[in-house]
Amino acid sequence: MKTDKVVTIYDIAERLNLAPSTISRGLQDNPAVNPRTRKKIFDTANEMGYRFNTFARNLRSQKTNTIGVIVPRLNSYFISDILAGIEKEINGAGYNMLISQSLELEDNEIKYAKAMLHNRVDGLIVNLAANTRNLDHFNEYTRHHIPLLFVDRVIENDDFNKVVINNTKAGYELTSHLIEQGCKRIIHLTGSLMRNVYEDRKSGYQKALAENNIPYLPELVLETDLTEGSSIKAAQQILAMKNRPDGLFVANDLSALICMKVFKDAGLRIPADIAIAGFNNDIISRLAEPMLTTVNYPGEEMGKLAARHLISQIDGDSDGMLTNTIILKSQLIIRESSLKKESAVPGAGN
């Protein structure tokens, strides 16, 4: 089978009657080559079908213009928002994104951290897996001075840079709202308490209970993986309780809405019988009936900020270097699913 001849800089040099070294410098946009000549070289290269060897050029410059991202899972509105923010920021700066999902497993995270290193990423952004115990698998990044930044799920370690929200404050405000609506027995359905986001939200929940003289009962904290199956099981467990709760604070919106459906199918009125609140402000929270009270978690902004600071580190801009932790603002968004006082009107909240 006939194949097209690979066009080289020597072919372009012959066509333009220039030295191959001039062609090489021109293709690298070297200012030593006259701008008109550079344009002629680029135009001729494109016309002849020359393939620009970006990989070889990156090897010489010790950069791949690639930023690695490791996330727990891709089937999440919140993670999608983070990735969208990262991509918007890095594309404008001339970088590409390489994504891996750990599927909430530390072993996968370790594997992908090594793979990213071998792929010579210029920097790495990580949202930790549910069962990650330490950060030893990122030590090579530190040793090789490769910028590394953790976003959302982090481990408290001053040696690494982080972008987060104040989850304790958010959990406190959400629980306080449920108490203000008259809830006295509030279930907290959470993810792995090994992760800061869930442990901190639980701390906020406990603080709000204590301030309102409501005893903290460990049996009212249900730790799950927040998947569809575990959420259905948790909702059924709540329905089977002899002393059924009147409020539910769930650590993400999808799990909250799954619980809501199970409750409604069982004949409960939301929020009259049980007030429900989620977390993240996913688009589905606005499509529910009733619409879901939640916390607006600025995923896209978080992604943009993380990427911006990582690029500053890669480019050696000391003014852009993180020295500790950036905390973004979150916002409690109150909707019908938690407004028990309003649902006291006959027929409301069905």
C-alpha atoms as a PDB file:
ATOM      1  CA  MET A   1       0.000   0.000   0.000  1.00  0.00           C
ATOM      2  CA  LYS A   2       1.364   3.397  -0.945  1.00  0.00           C
ATOM      3  CA  THR A   3       2.009   5.789   1.935  1.00  0.00           C
ATOM      4  CA  ASP A   4       2.581   9.548   1.859  1.00  0.00           C
ATOM      5  CA  LYS A   5       6.176  10.663   2.274  1.00  0.00           C
ATOM      6  CA  VAL A   6       6.916  12.244   5.643  1.00  0.00           C
ATOM      7  CA  VAL A   7       7.759  15.905   5.135  1.00  0.00           C
ATOM      8  CA  THR A   8      10.926  17.034   6.916  1.00  0.00           C
ATOM      9  CA  ILE A   9      12.565  20.392   7.576  1.00  0.00           C
ATOM     10  CA  TYR A  10      14.990  19.534   4.763  1.00  0.00           C
ATOM     11  CA  ASP A  11      12.124  19.357   2.290  1.00  0.00           C
ATOM     12  CA  ILE A  12      10.883  22.753   3.431  1.00  0.00           C
ATOM     13  CA  ALA A  13      14.445  24.130   3.243  1.00  0.00           C
ATOM     14  CA  GLU A  14      14.765  22.894  -0.338  1.00  0.00           C
ATOM     15  CA  ARG A  15      11.419  24.415  -1.313  1.00  0.00           C
ATOM     16  CA  LEU A  16      12.307  27.816   0.188  1.00  0.00           C
ATOM     17  CA  ASN A  17      16.008  27.691  -0.639  1.00  0.00           C
ATOM     18  CA  LEU A  18      16.894  28.274   3.012  1.00  0.00           C
ATOM     19  CA  ALA A  19      19.212  26.495   5.422  1.00  0.00           C
ATOM     20  CA  PRO A  20      17.618  23.659   7.442  1.00  0.00           C
ATOM     21  CA  SER A  21      18.777  25.411  10.632  1.00  0.00           C
ATOM     22  CA  THR A  22      16.772  28.489   9.621  1.00  0.00           C
ATOM     23  CA  ILE A  23      13.702  26.325   9.016  1.00  0.00           C
ATOM     24  CA  SER A  24      14.135  24.717  12.464  1.00  0.00           C
ATOM     25  CA  ARG A  25      14.443  28.082  14.222  1.00  0.00           C
ATOM     26  CA  GLY A  26      11.509  29.473  12.256  1.00  0.00           C
ATOM     27  CA  LEU A  27       9.267  26.565  13.228  1.00  0.00           C
ATOM     28  CA  GLN A  28      10.176  27.235  16.879  1.00  0.00           C
ATOM     29  CA  ASP A  29       9.068  30.851  16.359  1.00  0.00           C
ATOM     30  CA  ASN A  30      12.587  32.022  17.181  1.00  0.00           C
ATOM     31  CA  PRO A  31      12.798  35.848  17.040  1.00  0.00           C
ATOM     32  CA  ALA A  32      16.224  35.522  15.422  1.00  0.00           C
ATOM     33  CA  VAL A  33      14.374  34.682  12.195  1.00  0.00           C
ATOM     34  CA  ASN A  34      12.755  37.585  10.356  1.00  0.00           C
ATOM     35  CA  PRO A  35       8.959  37.667  11.002  1.00  0.00           C
ATOM     36  CA  ARG A  36       8.215  37.554   7.253  1.00  0.00           C
ATOM     37  CA  THR A  37      10.482  34.553   6.843  1.00  0.00           C
ATOM     38  CA  ARG A  38       8.879  32.870   9.847  1.00  0.00           C
ATOM     39  CA  LYS A  39       5.435  33.336   8.291  1.00  0.00           C
ATOM     40  CA  LYS A  40       6.653  31.959   4.973  1.00  0.00           C
ATOM     41  CA  ILE A  41       8.139  28.918   6.776  1.00  0.00           C
ATOM     42  CA  PHE A  42       4.894  28.234   8.678  1.00  0.00           C
ATOM     43  CA  ASP A  43       2.738  28.690   5.562  1.00  0.00           C
ATOM     44  CA  THR A  44       4.944  26.382   3.513  1.00  0.00           C
ATOM     45  CA  ALA A  45       5.070  23.790   6.298  1.00  0.00           C
ATOM     46  CA  ASN A  46       1.275  23.715   6.481  1.00  0.00           C
ATOM     47  CA  GLU A  47       0.941  23.578   2.697  1.00  0.00           C
ATOM     48  CA  MET A  48       3.370  20.647   2.459  1.00  0.00           C
ATOM     49  CA  GLY A  49       1.700  18.759   5.330  1.00  0.00           C
ATOM     50  CA  TYR A  50       4.574  19.008   7.782  1.00  0.00           C
ATOM     51  CA  ARG A  51       3.772  17.457  11.193  1.00  0.00           C
ATOM     52  CA  PHE A  52       4.991  19.678  14.002  1.00  0.00           C
ATOM     53  CA  ASN A  53       6.881  17.503  16.507  1.00  0.00           C
ATOM     54  CA  THR A  54       5.488  18.995  19.710  1.00  0.00           C
ATOM     55  CA  PHE A  55       6.592  16.013  21.783  1.00  0.00           C
ATOM     56  CA  ALA A  56      10.246  16.354  20.773  1.00  0.00           C
ATOM     57  CA  ARG A  57      10.152  20.094  21.368  1.00  0.00           C
ATOM     58  CA  ASN A  58       8.673  19.552  24.827  1.00  0.00           C
ATOM     59  CA  LEU A  59      11.414  17.067  25.698  1.00  0.00           C
ATOM     60  CA  ARG A  60      14.019  19.688  24.875  1.00  0.00           C
ATOM     61  CA  SER A  61      12.233  22.300  26.966  1.00  0.00           C
ATOM     62  CA  GLN A  62      11.600  19.802  29.824  1.00  0.00           C
ATOM     63  CA  LYS A  63       7.850  20.564  29.635  1.00  0.00           C
ATOM     64  CA  THR A  64       4.947  18.578  28.252  1.00  0.00           C
ATOM     65  CA  ASN A  65       2.339  21.331  28.673  1.00  0.00           C
ATOM     66  CA  THR A  66       0.156  18.725  30.367  1.00  0.00           C
ATOM     67  CA  ILE A  67      -1.532  18.950  33.764  1.00  0.00           C
ATOM     68  CA  GLY A  68      -2.662  15.734  35.406  1.00  0.00           C
ATOM     69  CA  VAL A  69      -5.907  15.466  37.371  1.00  0.00           C
ATOM     70  CA  ILE A  70      -6.928  12.548  39.601  1.00  0.00           C
ATOM     71  CA  VAL A  71     -10.538  12.494  40.853  1.00  0.00           C
ATOM     72  CA  PRO A  72     -12.580   9.886  42.781  1.00  0.00           C
ATOM     73  CA  ARG A  73     -15.153   9.392  40.027  1.00  0.00           C
ATOM     74  CA  LEU A  74     -16.383  11.091  36.867  1.00  0.00           C
ATOM     75  CA  ASN A  75     -20.143  10.430  37.283  1.00  0.00           C
ATOM     76  CA  SER A  76     -20.612  13.359  39.659  1.00  0.00           C
ATOM     77  CA  TYR A  77     -22.020  16.811  38.911  1.00  0.00           C
ATOM     78  CA  PHE A  78     -19.629  18.357  41.401  1.00  0.00           C
ATOM     79  CA  ILE A  79     -16.543  16.655  39.927  1.00  0.00           C
ATOM     80  CA  SER A  80     -17.715  17.638  36.438  1.00  0.00           C
ATOM     81  CA  ASP A  81     -17.876  21.258  37.593  1.00  0.00           C
ATOM     82  CA  ILE A  82     -14.343  21.077  39.002  1.00  0.00           C
ATOM     83  CA  LEU A  83     -13.025  19.564  35.762  1.00  0.00           C
ATOM     84  CA  ALA A  84     -14.826  22.197  33.681  1.00  0.00           C
ATOM     85  CA  GLY A  85     -13.191  24.946  35.736  1.00  0.00           C
ATOM     86  CA  ILE A  86      -9.738  23.368  35.413  1.00  0.00           C
ATOM     87  CA  GLU A  87     -10.116  22.881  31.666  1.00  0.00           C
ATOM     88  CA  LYS A  88     -11.258  26.459  31.031  1.00  0.00           C
ATOM     89  CA  GLU A  89      -8.279  27.840  32.929  1.00  0.00           C
ATOM     90  CA  ILE A  90      -5.554  25.587  31.512  1.00  0.00           C
ATOM     91  CA  ASN A  91      -6.741  25.757  27.892  1.00  0.00           C
ATOM     92  CA  GLY A  92      -6.353  29.523  27.968  1.00  0.00           C
ATOM     93  CA  ALA A  93      -2.804  29.055  29.227  1.00  0.00           C
ATOM     94  CA  GLY A  94      -1.831  26.555  26.540  1.00  0.00           C
ATOM     95  CA  TYR A  95      -1.980  23.386  28.648  1.00  0.00           C
ATOM     96  CA  ASN A  96      -3.731  20.056  28.100  1.00  0.00           C
ATOM     97  CA  MET A  97      -5.446  17.930  30.762  1.00  0.00           C
ATOM     98  CA  LEU A  98      -4.859  14.247  31.519  1.00  0.00           C
ATOM     99  CA  ILE A  99      -7.626  12.763  33.716  1.00  0.00           C
ATOM    100  CA  SER A 100      -7.784   9.558  35.765  1.00  0.00           C
ATOM    101  CA  GLN A 101     -10.486   8.399  38.188  1.00  0.00           C
ATOM    102  CA  SER A 102      -9.543   6.398  41.260  1.00  0.00           C
ATOM    103  CA  LEU A 103     -13.046   4.934  41.686  1.00  0.00           C
ATOM    104  CA  GLU A 104     -12.660   5.811  45.390  1.00  0.00           C
ATOM    105  CA  LEU A 105      -9.749   3.351  45.828  1.00  0.00           C
ATOM    106  CA  GLU A 106      -6.349   4.284  47.254  1.00  0.00           C
ATOM    107  CA  ASP A 107      -4.626   1.544  45.202  1.00  0.00           C
ATOM    108  CA  ASN A 108      -5.912   3.107  41.980  1.00  0.00           C
ATOM    109  CA  GLU A 109      -4.855   6.539  43.159  1.00  0.00           C
ATOM    110  CA  ILE A 110      -1.315   5.255  43.820  1.00  0.00           C
ATOM    111  CA  LYS A 111      -1.205   3.636  40.373  1.00  0.00           C
ATOM    112  CA  TYR A 112      -2.379   6.761  38.577  1.00  0.00           C
ATOM    113  CA  ALA A 113      -0.068   9.069  40.540  1.00  0.00           C
ATOM    114  CA  LYS A 114       2.853   6.965  39.275  1.00  0.00           C
ATOM    115  CA  ALA A 115       1.459   6.906  35.733  1.00  0.00           C
ATOM    116  CA  MET A 116       1.087  10.697  35.705  1.00  0.00           C
ATOM    117  CA  LEU A 117       4.686  11.018  36.890  1.00  0.00           C
ATOM    118  CA  HIS A 118       5.918   8.699  34.118  1.00  0.00           C
ATOM    119  CA  ASN A 119       3.904  10.710  31.596  1.00  0.00           C
ATOM    120  CA  ARG A 120       5.923  13.746  32.692  1.00  0.00           C
ATOM    121  CA  VAL A 121       2.980  15.952  33.692  1.00  0.00           C
ATOM    122  CA  ASP A 122       4.059  19.484  34.539  1.00  0.00           C
ATOM    123  CA  GLY A 123       1.785  19.542  37.597  1.00  0.00           C
ATOM    124  CA  LEU A 124      -0.917  17.505  39.318  1.00  0.00           C
ATOM    125  CA  ILE A 125      -4.321  18.330  40.866  1.00  0.00           C
ATOM    126  CA  VAL A 126      -5.823  15.674  43.158  1.00  0.00           C
ATOM    127  CA  ASN A 127      -9.212  15.065  44.786  1.00  0.00           C
ATOM    128  CA  LEU A 128      -8.508  12.181  47.170  1.00  0.00           C
ATOM    129  CA  ALA A 129     -10.161   8.750  47.101  1.00  0.00           C
ATOM    130  CA  ALA A 130     -12.447   7.741  49.967  1.00  0.00           C
ATOM    131  CA  ASN A 131      -9.954   5.374  51.635  1.00  0.00           C
ATOM    132  CA  THR A 132      -6.628   7.137  51.033  1.00  0.00           C
ATOM    133  CA  ARG A 133      -4.694   6.971  54.302  1.00  0.00           C
ATOM    134  CA  ASN A 134      -1.588   9.047  53.600  1.00  0.00           C
ATOM    135  CA  LEU A 135       0.160  10.970  50.875  1.00  0.00           C
ATOM    136  CA  ASP A 136       3.311   8.853  50.521  1.00  0.00           C
ATOM    137  CA  HIS A 137       2.589   8.117  46.879  1.00  0.00           C
ATOM    138  CA  PHE A 138       2.974  11.815  46.097  1.00  0.00           C
ATOM    139  CA  ASN A 139       6.452  12.112  47.632  1.00  0.00           C
ATOM    140  CA  GLU A 140       8.109  11.715  44.232  1.00  0.00           C
ATOM    141  CA  TYR A 141       6.370  14.878  43.062  1.00  0.00           C
ATOM    142  CA  THR A 142       7.887  16.793  45.945  1.00  0.00           C
ATOM    143  CA  ARG A 143      11.298  15.225  45.352  1.00  0.00           C
ATOM    144  CA  HIS A 144      11.244  16.188  41.666  1.00  0.00           C
ATOM    145  CA  HIS A 145       9.793  19.664  42.413  1.00  0.00           C
ATOM    146  CA  ILE A 146       6.651  18.966  40.388  1.00  0.00           C
ATOM    147  CA  PRO A 147       3.846  21.302  41.536  1.00  0.00           C
ATOM    148  CA  LEU A 148       1.072  19.453  43.368  1.00  0.00           C
ATOM    149  CA  LEU A 149      -2.257  20.784  44.624  1.00  0.00           C
ATOM    150  CA  PHE A 150      -5.166  19.131  46.446  1.00  0.00           C
ATOM    151  CA  VAL A 151      -8.734  20.256  45.915  1.00  0.00           C
ATOM    152  CA  ASP A 152     -11.877  19.594  48.007  1.00  0.00           C
ATOM    153  CA  ARG A 153     -10.833  16.303  49.653  1.00  0.00           C
ATOM    154  CA  VAL A 154      -7.511  16.855  51.386  1.00  0.00           C
ATOM    155  CA  ILE A 155      -5.338  15.606  54.226  1.00  0.00           C
ATOM    156  CA  GLU A 156      -4.250  18.160  56.808  1.00  0.00           C
ATOM    157  CA  ASN A 157      -0.592  18.636  55.901  1.00  0.00           C
ATOM    158  CA  ASP A 158       1.068  22.026  55.689  1.00  0.00           C
ATOM    159  CA  ASP A 159       3.571  20.721  53.139  1.00  0.00           C
ATOM    160  CA  PHE A 160       0.912  20.628  50.414  1.00  0.00           C
ATOM    161  CA  ASN A 161      -1.270  23.277  48.819  1.00  0.00           C
ATOM    162  CA  LYS A 162      -5.054  23.045  49.008  1.00  0.00           C
ATOM    163  CA  VAL A 163      -8.275  24.655  47.768  1.00  0.00           C
ATOM    164  CA  VAL A 164     -11.346  23.872  49.907  1.00  0.00           C
ATOM    165  CA  ILE A 165     -14.501  25.329  51.442  1.00  0.00           C
ATOM    166  CA  ASN A 166     -15.257  25.592  55.172  1.00  0.00           C
ATOM    167  CA  ASN A 167     -17.232  22.359  55.450  1.00  0.00           C
ATOM    168  CA  THR A 168     -17.612  22.689  59.221  1.00  0.00           C
ATOM    169  CA  LYS A 169     -19.314  26.051  58.821  1.00  0.00           C
ATOM    170  CA  ALA A 170     -21.531  24.750  56.018  1.00  0.00           C
ATOM    171  CA  GLY A 171     -22.586  21.700  58.046  1.00  0.00           C
ATOM    172  CA  TYR A 172     -23.308  23.914  61.053  1.00  0.00           C
ATOM    173  CA  GLU A 173     -25.462  26.350  59.056  1.00  0.00           C
ATOM    174  CA  LEU A 174     -27.459  23.590  57.390  1.00  0.00           C
ATOM    175  CA  THR A 175     -28.128  21.751  60.664  1.00  0.00           C
ATOM    176  CA  SER A 176     -29.012  25.026  62.398  1.00  0.00           C
ATOM    177  CA  HIS A 177     -31.566  25.704  59.665  1.00  0.00           C
ATOM    178  CA  LEU A 178     -33.216  22.313  60.232  1.00  0.00           C
ATOM    179  CA  ILE A 179     -33.358  23.012  63.972  1.00  0.00           C
ATOM    180  CA  GLU A 180     -34.897  26.439  63.304  1.00  0.00           C
ATOM    181  CA  GLN A 181     -37.598  24.622  61.329  1.00  0.00           C
ATOM    182  CA  GLY A 182     -38.463  22.631  64.454  1.00  0.00           C
ATOM    183  CA  CYS A 183     -36.439  19.464  63.839  1.00  0.00           C
ATOM    184  CA  LYS A 184     -35.365  17.767  67.079  1.00  0.00           C
ATOM    185  CA  ARG A 185     -34.195  14.374  65.858  1.00  0.00           C
ATOM    186  CA  ILE A 186     -31.910  14.856  62.852  1.00  0.00           C
ATOM    187  CA  ILE A 187     -30.232  12.028  60.942  1.00  0.00           C
ATOM    188  CA  HIS A 188     -26.906  12.766  59.273  1.00  0.00           C
ATOM    189  CA  LEU A 189     -26.212  10.556  56.245  1.00  0.00           C
ATOM    190  CA  THR A 190     -22.538  10.942  55.336  1.00  0.00           C
ATOM    191  CA  GLY A 191     -19.686   9.523  53.278  1.00  0.00           C
ATOM    192  CA  SER A 192     -16.384   8.116  54.516  1.00  0.00           C
ATOM    193  CA  LEU A 193     -15.390   9.945  57.684  1.00  0.00           C
ATOM    194  CA  MET A 194     -11.751   9.392  56.721  1.00  0.00           C
ATOM    195  CA  ARG A 195     -12.188  12.336  54.356  1.00  0.00           C
ATOM    196  CA  ASN A 196     -12.070  15.888  55.632  1.00  0.00           C
ATOM    197  CA  VAL A 197     -15.198  17.006  53.772  1.00  0.00           C
ATOM    198  CA  TYR A 198     -17.417  14.492  55.549  1.00  0.00           C
ATOM    199  CA  GLU A 199     -15.720  14.655  58.938  1.00  0.00           C
ATOM    200  CA  ASP A 200     -15.933  18.457  58.899  1.00  0.00           C
ATOM    201  CA  ARG A 201     -19.615  18.470  57.913  1.00  0.00           C
ATOM    202  CA  LYS A 202     -20.290  16.060  60.747  1.00  0.00           C
ATOM    203  CA  SER A 203     -18.410  18.398  63.140  1.00  0.00           C
ATOM    204  CA  GLY A 204     -20.643  21.264  62.041  1.00  0.00           C
ATOM    205  CA  TYR A 205     -23.701  19.069  62.604  1.00  0.00           C
ATOM    206  CA  GLN A 206     -22.516  18.224  66.132  1.00  0.00           C
ATOM    207  CA  LYS A 207     -21.771  21.866  66.927  1.00  0.00           C
ATOM    208  CA  ALA A 208     -25.271  22.975  65.903  1.00  0.00           C
ATOM    209  CA  LEU A 209     -26.868  20.243  68.010  1.00  0.00           C
ATOM    210  CA  ALA A 210     -24.785  21.208  71.054  1.00  0.00           C
ATOM    211  CA  GLU A 211     -25.638  24.895  70.752  1.00  0.00           C
ATOM    212  CA  ASN A 212     -29.334  24.014  70.734  1.00  0.00           C
ATOM    213  CA  ASN A 213     -29.126  21.550  73.650  1.00  0.00           C
ATOM    214  CA  ILE A 214     -29.955  18.588  71.430  1.00  0.00           C
ATOM    215  CA  PRO A 215     -28.011  15.467  72.440  1.00  0.00           C
ATOM    216  CA  TYR A 216     -25.659  13.976  69.863  1.00  0.00           C
ATOM    217  CA  LEU A 217     -26.598  10.337  69.228  1.00  0.00           C
ATOM    218  CA  PRO A 218     -24.005   8.291  67.287  1.00  0.00           C
ATOM    219  CA  GLU A 219     -26.721   5.992  65.960  1.00  0.00           C
ATOM    220  CA  LEU A 220     -28.167   8.949  64.039  1.00  0.00           C
ATOM    221  CA  VAL A 221     -24.978   9.264  61.950  1.00  0.00           C
ATOM    222  CA  LEU A 222     -25.079   6.801  59.063  1.00  0.00           C
ATOM    223  CA  GLU A 223     -21.758   6.388  57.239  1.00  0.00           C
ATOM    224  CA  THR A 224     -22.114   5.030  53.673  1.00  0.00           C
ATOM    225  CA  ASP A 225     -20.460   5.328  50.279  1.00  0.00           C
ATOM    226  CA  LEU A 226     -23.363   7.573  49.144  1.00  0.00           C
ATOM    227  CA  THR A 227     -24.099   5.386  46.112  1.00  0.00           C
ATOM    228  CA  GLU A 228     -27.653   4.689  44.924  1.00  0.00           C
ATOM    229  CA  GLY A 229     -27.791   1.282  46.595  1.00  0.00           C
ATOM    230  CA  SER A 230     -26.426   2.428  49.955  1.00  0.00           C
ATOM    231  CA  SER A 231     -28.740   5.463  49.926  1.00  0.00           C
ATOM    232  CA  ILE A 232     -31.805   3.289  49.367  1.00  0.00           C
ATOM    233  CA  LYS A 233     -30.682   0.995  52.173  1.00  0.00           C
ATOM    234  CA  ALA A 234     -30.128   3.973  54.515  1.00  0.00           C
ATOM    235  CA  ALA A 235     -33.578   5.383  53.694  1.00  0.00           C
ATOM    236  CA  GLN A 236     -35.187   2.013  54.431  1.00  0.00           C
ATOM    237  CA  GLN A 237     -33.262   1.853  57.709  1.00  0.00           C
ATOM    238  CA  ILE A 238     -34.616   5.286  58.645  1.00  0.00           C
ATOM    239  CA  LEU A 239     -38.185   4.242  57.797  1.00  0.00           C
ATOM    240  CA  ALA A 240     -37.832   1.203  60.066  1.00  0.00           C
ATOM    241  CA  MET A 241     -36.803   3.274  63.113  1.00  0.00           C
ATOM    242  CA  LYS A 242     -39.311   3.182  65.974  1.00  0.00           C
ATOM    243  CA  ASN A 243     -38.528   6.789  66.839  1.00  0.00           C
ATOM    244  CA  ARG A 244     -38.451   8.135  63.304  1.00  0.00           C
ATOM    245  CA  PRO A 245     -36.385  11.323  62.722  1.00  0.00           C
ATOM    246  CA  ASP A 246     -38.005  14.567  61.646  1.00  0.00           C
ATOM    247  CA  GLY A 247     -34.959  15.898  59.789  1.00  0.00           C
ATOM    248  CA  LEU A 248     -32.314  14.520  57.417  1.00  0.00           C
ATOM    249  CA  PHE A 249     -28.999  16.158  56.490  1.00  0.00           C
ATOM    250  CA  VAL A 250     -27.330  14.275  53.618  1.00  0.00           C
ATOM    251  CA  ALA A 251     -23.743  14.882  52.499  1.00  0.00           C
ATOM    252  CA  ASN A 252     -24.653  15.135  48.805  1.00  0.00           C
ATOM    253  CA  ASP A 253     -27.696  15.987  46.709  1.00  0.00           C
ATOM    254  CA  LEU A 254     -28.066  12.760  44.757  1.00  0.00           C
ATOM    255  CA  SER A 255     -28.199  10.636  47.898  1.00  0.00           C
ATOM    256  CA  ALA A 256     -30.659  13.094  49.471  1.00  0.00           C
ATOM    257  CA  LEU A 257     -33.009  12.836  46.488  1.00  0.00           C
ATOM    258  CA  ILE A 258     -32.823   9.039  46.488  1.00  0.00           C
ATOM    259  CA  CYS A 259     -33.863   9.093  50.152  1.00  0.00           C
ATOM    260  CA  MET A 260     -36.641  11.536  49.342  1.00  0.00           C
ATOM    261  CA  LYS A 261     -38.079   9.186  46.701  1.00  0.00           C
ATOM    262  CA  VAL A 262     -38.001   6.210  49.088  1.00  0.00           C
ATOM    263  CA  PHE A 263     -39.782   8.290  51.751  1.00  0.00           C
ATOM    264  CA  LYS A 264     -42.430   9.572  49.322  1.00  0.00           C
ATOM    265  CA  ASP A 265     -43.056   6.079  47.976  1.00  0.00           C
ATOM    266  CA  ALA A 266     -43.650   5.010  51.589  1.00  0.00           C
ATOM    267  CA  GLY A 267     -46.303   7.745  51.986  1.00  0.00           C
ATOM    268  CA  LEU A 268     -44.265  10.334  53.927  1.00  0.00           C
ATOM    269  CA  ARG A 269     -44.814  14.010  53.236  1.00  0.00           C
ATOM    270  CA  ILE A 270     -41.758  16.162  52.529  1.00  0.00           C
ATOM    271  CA  PRO A 271     -41.064  18.253  54.556  1.00  0.00           C
ATOM    272  CA  ALA A 272     -44.069  17.901  56.880  1.00  0.00           C
ATOM    273  CA  ASP A 273     -43.074  14.438  58.097  1.00  0.00           C
ATOM    274  CA  ILE A 274     -39.343  14.735  57.502  1.00  0.00           C
ATOM    275  CA  ALA A 275     -37.363  17.766  56.345  1.00  0.00           C
ATOM    276  CA  ILE A 276     -34.515  16.973  53.932  1.00  0.00           C
ATOM    277  CA  ALA A 277     -31.369  18.877  52.986  1.00  0.00           C
ATOM    278  CA  GLY A 278     -28.499  17.909  50.703  1.00  0.00           C
ATOM    279  CA  PHE A 279     -25.129  19.330  49.733  1.00  0.00           C
ATOM    280  CA  ASN A 280     -23.426  20.605  46.515  1.00  0.00           C
ATOM    281  CA  ASN A 281     -26.320  22.375  44.730  1.00  0.00           C
ATOM    282  CA  ASP A 282     -26.290  19.941  41.808  1.00  0.00           C
ATOM    283  CA  ILE A 283     -28.725  20.764  39.015  1.00  0.00           C
ATOM    284  CA  ILE A 284     -30.951  17.866  40.119  1.00  0.00           C
ATOM    285  CA  SER A 285     -31.587  19.665  43.412  1.00  0.00           C
ATOM    286  CA  ARG A 286     -33.620  22.235  41.462  1.00  0.00           C
ATOM    287  CA  LEU A 287     -35.553  19.612  39.520  1.00  0.00           C
ATOM    288  CA  ALA A 288     -36.835  17.726  42.554  1.00  0.00           C
ATOM    289  CA  GLU A 289     -40.361  18.000  43.911  1.00  0.00           C
ATOM    290  CA  PRO A 290     -40.160  19.625  46.335  1.00  0.00           C
ATOM    291  CA  MET A 291     -36.943  21.428  45.401  1.00  0.00           C
ATOM    292  CA  LEU A 292     -34.048  20.495  47.652  1.00  0.00           C
ATOM    293  CA  THR A 293     -32.435  22.678  50.296  1.00  0.00           C
ATOM    294  CA  THR A 294     -28.681  22.432  49.803  1.00  0.00           C
ATOM    295  CA  VAL A 295     -25.292  24.140  50.083  1.00  0.00           C
ATOM    296  CA  ASN A 296     -23.881  25.811  46.999  1.00  0.00           C
ATOM    297  CA  TYR A 297     -20.404  24.363  46.572  1.00  0.00           C
ATOM    298  CA  PRO A 298     -18.559  26.399  43.883  1.00  0.00           C
ATOM    299  CA  GLY A 299     -17.000  23.485  41.975  1.00  0.00           C
ATOM    300  CA  GLU A 300     -16.161  25.350  38.770  1.00  0.00           C
ATOM    301  CA  GLU A 301     -14.659  28.263  40.670  1.00  0.00           C
ATOM    302  CA  MET A 302     -12.663  25.783  42.758  1.00  0.00           C
ATOM    303  CA  GLY A 303     -11.324  24.147  39.597  1.00  0.00           C
ATOM    304  CA  LYS A 304     -10.396  27.447  37.999  1.00  0.00           C
ATOM    305  CA  LEU A 305      -8.591  28.677  41.100  1.00  0.00           C
ATOM    306  CA  ALA A 306      -6.712  25.404  41.556  1.00  0.00           C
ATOM    307  CA  ALA A 307      -5.562  25.419  37.928  1.00  0.00           C
ATOM    308  CA  ARG A 308      -4.588  29.089  38.041  1.00  0.00           C
ATOM    309  CA  HIS A 309      -2.363  28.606  41.069  1.00  0.00           C
ATOM    310  CA  LEU A 310      -0.855  25.382  39.763  1.00  0.00           C
ATOM    311  CA  ILE A 311       0.088  27.064  36.484  1.00  0.00           C
ATOM    312  CA  SER A 312       1.650  29.914  38.450  1.00  0.00           C
ATOM    313  CA  GLN A 313       3.778  27.370  40.284  1.00  0.00           C
ATOM    314  CA  ILE A 314       4.732  25.602  37.043  1.00  0.00           C
ATOM    315  CA  ASP A 315       5.723  28.890  35.441  1.00  0.00           C
ATOM    316  CA  GLY A 316       7.784  29.850  38.469  1.00  0.00           C
ATOM    317  CA  ASP A 317       5.674  32.862  39.381  1.00  0.00           C
ATOM    318  CA  SER A 318       6.341  33.174  43.114  1.00  0.00           C
ATOM    319  CA  ASP A 319       3.460  35.620  43.516  1.00  0.00           C
ATOM    320  CA  GLY A 320       1.095  32.868  42.404  1.00  0.00           C
ATOM    321  CA  MET A 321       2.435  30.224  44.775  1.00  0.00           C
ATOM    322  CA  LEU A 322       0.080  28.893  47.407  1.00  0.00           C
ATOM    323  CA  THR A 323       1.635  28.801  50.833  1.00  0.00           C
ATOM    324  CA  ASN A 324      -1.146  27.086  52.685  1.00  0.00           C
ATOM    325  CA  THR A 325      -4.868  26.719  52.059  1.00  0.00           C
ATOM    326  CA  ILE A 326      -7.363  28.761  50.039  1.00  0.00           C
ATOM    327  CA  ILE A 327     -10.898  28.617  51.464  1.00  0.00           C
ATOM    328  CA  LEU A 328     -13.754  29.478  49.100  1.00  0.00           C
ATOM    329  CA  LYS A 329     -17.136  30.693  50.286  1.00  0.00           C
ATOM    330  CA  SER A 330     -20.141  28.379  50.233  1.00  0.00           C
ATOM    331  CA  GLN A 331     -23.798  29.377  50.582  1.00  0.00           C
ATOM    332  CA  LEU A 332     -26.818  27.772  52.216  1.00  0.00           C
ATOM    333  CA  ILE A 333     -29.697  27.675  49.722  1.00  0.00           C
ATOM    334  CA  ILE A 334     -33.065  27.159  51.426  1.00  0.00           C
ATOM    335  CA  ARG A 335     -35.824  25.533  49.373  1.00  0.00           C
ATOM    336  CA  GLU A 336     -39.131  23.783  50.023  1.00  0.00           C
ATOM    337  CA  SER A 337     -37.770  20.389  51.085  1.00  0.00           C
ATOM    338  CA  SER A 338     -36.787  21.681  54.537  1.00  0.00           C
ATOM    339  CA  LEU A 339     -39.434  24.306  55.266  1.00  0.00           C
ATOM    340  CA  LYS A 340     -41.444  22.423  57.884  1.00  0.00           C
ATOM    341  CA  LYS A 341     -43.015  25.558  59.338  1.00  0.00           C
ATOM    342  CA  GLU A 342     -44.528  26.506  55.997  1.00  0.00           C
ATOM    343  CA  SER A 343     -45.615  22.910  55.387  1.00  0.00           C
ATOM    344  CA  ALA A 344     -47.787  23.082  58.510  1.00  0.00           C
ATOM    345  CA  VAL A 345     -50.423  24.655  56.234  1.00  0.00           C
ATOM    346  CA  PRO A 346     -52.943  21.871  55.366  1.00  0.00           C
ATOM    347  CA  GLY A 347     -52.081  20.171  52.092  1.00  0.00           C
ATOM    348  CA  ALA A 348     -48.618  21.697  51.846  1.00  0.00           C
ATOM    349  CA  GLY A 349     -45.534  19.575  51.139  1.00  0.00           C
ATOM    350  CA  ASN A 350     -47.363  16.561  49.664  1.00  0.00           C
END
